[in-house]
Protein backbone atom coordinates (compact mmCIF):
# COMPACT_ATOMS: atom_id res chain seq x y z
CA UNK A 1 50.21 10.42 113.13
CA UNK A 2 51.73 13.60 111.76
CA UNK A 3 50.95 14.67 108.25
CA UNK A 4 53.62 16.73 106.63
CA UNK A 5 52.66 19.24 103.97
CA UNK A 6 54.99 17.60 101.46
CA UNK A 7 53.06 14.32 101.79
CA UNK A 8 49.68 15.86 100.98
CA UNK A 9 48.80 17.21 97.58
CA UNK A 10 47.41 20.75 97.43
CA UNK A 11 43.84 19.64 96.67
CA UNK A 12 43.66 17.33 99.68
CA UNK A 13 45.14 19.98 101.95
CA UNK A 14 42.63 22.58 100.67
CA UNK A 15 39.71 20.19 101.27
CA UNK A 16 40.99 19.48 104.77
CA UNK A 17 41.19 23.21 105.59
CA UNK A 18 37.77 23.83 104.02
CA UNK A 19 36.17 21.01 106.02
CA UNK A 20 37.67 22.41 109.25
CA UNK A 21 36.24 25.85 108.40
CA UNK A 22 32.82 24.30 107.70
CA UNK A 23 32.88 22.46 111.01
CA UNK A 24 33.77 25.68 112.83
CA UNK A 25 31.01 27.57 111.00
CA UNK A 26 28.42 24.90 111.79
CA UNK A 27 29.58 24.96 115.41
CA UNK A 28 29.13 28.75 115.53
CA UNK A 29 25.66 28.47 114.00
CA UNK A 30 24.70 25.80 116.52
CA UNK A 31 25.73 28.16 119.35
CA UNK A 32 23.83 31.08 117.80
CA UNK A 33 20.90 32.11 119.96
CA UNK A 34 18.27 33.23 117.43
CA UNK A 35 15.81 34.37 120.13
CA UNK A 36 18.42 36.63 121.71
CA UNK A 37 19.43 38.06 118.34
CA UNK A 38 15.85 38.73 117.21
CA UNK A 39 15.10 40.37 120.55
CA UNK A 40 18.07 42.71 120.03
CA UNK A 41 16.98 43.40 116.44
CA UNK A 42 13.35 44.13 117.36
CA UNK A 43 14.36 46.43 120.23
CA UNK A 44 16.81 48.23 117.93
CA UNK A 45 14.15 48.78 115.26
CA UNK A 46 11.45 49.84 117.74
CA UNK A 47 13.62 52.26 119.71
CA UNK A 48 15.58 53.53 116.71
CA UNK A 49 12.46 54.37 114.74
CA UNK A 50 10.13 55.17 117.65
CA UNK A 51 9.55 58.85 116.82
CA UNK A 52 9.14 58.07 113.13
CA UNK A 53 5.78 56.54 114.02
CA UNK A 54 4.64 59.89 115.43
CA UNK A 55 6.37 62.44 113.22
CA UNK A 56 6.51 60.73 109.84
CA UNK A 57 9.17 61.68 107.35
CA UNK A 58 7.10 63.49 104.70
CA UNK A 59 8.93 66.73 105.57
CA UNK A 60 11.95 65.36 103.68
CA UNK A 61 10.05 65.49 100.39
CA UNK A 62 8.87 69.07 101.00
CA UNK A 63 12.16 70.78 101.90
CA UNK A 64 15.00 72.08 99.74
CA UNK A 65 17.86 69.59 99.84
CA UNK A 66 21.56 69.98 99.07
CA UNK A 67 23.12 68.44 95.95
CA UNK A 68 23.50 64.66 95.95
CA UNK A 69 20.72 64.19 98.50
CA UNK A 70 19.39 60.62 98.34
CA UNK A 71 15.81 59.97 97.31
CA UNK A 72 13.41 59.38 100.18
CA UNK A 73 13.02 55.64 99.51
CA UNK A 74 16.74 55.08 100.24
CA UNK A 75 16.39 55.91 103.95
CA UNK A 76 14.30 52.92 105.11
CA UNK A 77 16.59 50.59 103.16
CA UNK A 78 19.74 52.14 104.63
CA UNK A 79 18.35 52.19 108.16
CA UNK A 80 17.13 48.60 107.83
CA UNK A 81 20.64 47.50 106.89
CA UNK A 82 22.23 49.61 109.63
CA UNK A 83 19.84 48.30 112.29
CA UNK A 84 20.59 44.74 111.19
CA UNK A 85 24.36 45.29 111.27
CA UNK A 86 24.45 46.99 114.66
CA UNK A 87 22.15 44.33 116.10
CA UNK A 88 24.56 41.65 114.90
CA UNK A 89 27.45 43.68 116.35
CA UNK A 90 25.76 43.95 119.75
CA UNK A 91 24.92 40.26 119.74
CA UNK A 92 28.56 39.40 118.98
CA UNK A 93 29.84 41.71 121.70
CA UNK A 94 27.44 40.36 124.29
CA UNK A 95 28.60 36.84 123.48
CA UNK A 96 32.26 37.85 124.06
CA UNK A 97 32.07 40.69 126.53
CA UNK A 98 32.73 40.52 130.22
CA UNK A 99 31.55 44.15 130.57
CA UNK A 100 28.05 43.59 129.21
CA UNK A 101 26.61 46.53 131.17
CA UNK A 102 28.96 49.04 129.54
CA UNK A 103 28.27 47.64 126.06
CA UNK A 104 24.52 47.81 126.62
CA UNK A 105 24.80 51.34 128.01
CA UNK A 106 26.74 52.63 124.99
CA UNK A 107 24.36 50.86 122.62
CA UNK A 108 21.33 52.24 124.44
CA UNK A 109 22.70 55.79 124.43
CA UNK A 110 23.30 55.70 120.69
CA UNK A 111 19.79 54.31 120.09
CA UNK A 112 18.34 57.10 122.23
CA UNK A 113 20.29 59.77 120.33
CA UNK A 114 19.29 58.17 117.04
CA UNK A 115 15.62 58.12 117.93
CA UNK A 116 15.45 61.64 119.37
CA UNK A 117 17.12 63.10 116.26
CA UNK A 118 14.00 62.10 114.30
CA UNK A 119 11.83 64.04 116.75
CA UNK A 120 14.08 67.12 116.57
CA UNK A 121 14.43 67.11 112.79
CA UNK A 122 11.04 65.90 111.56
CA UNK A 123 8.83 66.67 114.55
CA UNK A 124 10.15 70.07 115.64
CA UNK A 125 11.72 70.93 112.25
CA UNK A 126 14.68 72.33 114.13
CA UNK A 127 17.40 71.67 111.58
CA UNK A 128 20.23 73.42 113.44
CA UNK A 129 19.60 71.51 116.67
CA UNK A 130 19.26 68.39 114.49
CA UNK A 131 22.75 69.02 113.13
CA UNK A 132 24.21 69.43 116.63
CA UNK A 133 22.32 66.34 117.81
CA UNK A 134 23.50 64.17 114.93
CA UNK A 135 27.07 65.35 115.56
CA UNK A 136 26.71 64.14 119.16
CA UNK A 137 25.22 60.88 117.85
CA UNK A 138 28.28 60.46 115.63
CA UNK A 139 30.56 60.86 118.65
CA UNK A 140 28.57 58.24 120.58
CA UNK A 141 28.60 55.82 117.61
CA UNK A 142 32.37 56.26 117.16
CA UNK A 143 32.81 55.44 120.86
CA UNK A 144 30.57 52.39 120.33
CA UNK A 145 32.75 51.37 117.39
CA UNK A 146 35.92 51.69 119.49
CA UNK A 147 34.40 49.78 122.40
CA UNK A 148 33.03 46.99 120.19
CA UNK A 149 36.27 46.78 118.17
CA UNK A 150 38.27 46.34 121.39
CA UNK A 151 36.05 43.41 122.40
CA UNK A 152 35.60 41.79 118.99
CA UNK A 153 37.07 43.32 115.84
CA UNK A 154 34.40 41.99 113.49
CA UNK A 155 31.67 43.52 115.69
CA UNK A 156 33.39 46.88 115.53
CA UNK A 157 33.72 46.66 111.77
CA UNK A 158 29.96 46.12 111.47
CA UNK A 159 29.48 49.62 112.92
CA UNK A 160 31.47 51.33 110.14
CA UNK A 161 28.52 51.61 107.68
CA UNK A 162 26.58 53.39 110.44
CA UNK A 163 29.43 55.89 110.86
CA UNK A 164 29.58 56.48 107.11
CA UNK A 165 25.81 57.00 106.99
CA UNK A 166 26.03 59.52 109.84
CA UNK A 167 28.59 61.55 107.88
CA UNK A 168 26.12 61.59 104.99
CA UNK A 169 23.37 62.60 107.41
CA UNK A 170 25.56 65.42 108.78
CA UNK A 171 26.05 66.74 105.25
CA UNK A 172 22.32 66.53 104.52
CA UNK A 173 21.35 68.05 107.84
CA UNK A 174 23.60 71.09 107.55
CA UNK A 175 22.64 71.50 103.89
CA UNK A 176 18.94 71.43 104.76
CA UNK A 177 19.52 73.91 107.58
CA UNK A 178 21.34 76.33 105.27
CA UNK A 179 18.85 75.99 102.41
CA UNK A 180 15.69 76.21 104.50
């Protein structure tokens, strides 16, 4: 039985579309592997913040910062959101990707660069090398964005806040280098 749009009032048609969307959403949730996602999230948090456990971040409060520098309490919030978003992005890509090894490699490289920046900046207090390192991190994250976007657009889009945050970090890093 075919239903023509003219035979269905707008409200019924909207409810039909909405119910189809709900069924698709419930189907996606049922396929969602929470253990796999939480594993990705925990690894991301542990590796991404590994050197923070050893170096701390108290240096940020003691140094001269450029104008518009965020308060120190903003960083754990921002990084928490970024780690959540990129974990979701990786999960989505791994569910779609036929080149899982390449996706994991790019993701791992960016996590490594992210983590080591903390050691360079806060541990060694080498602000110039920190700037160069974060610039390299930005290049890796942009390549991750492009790779993820090619596989699944929504996964790539989840990386954009990370890229924006890295531009802010570049500004802060070079400002701190010049002022200290």
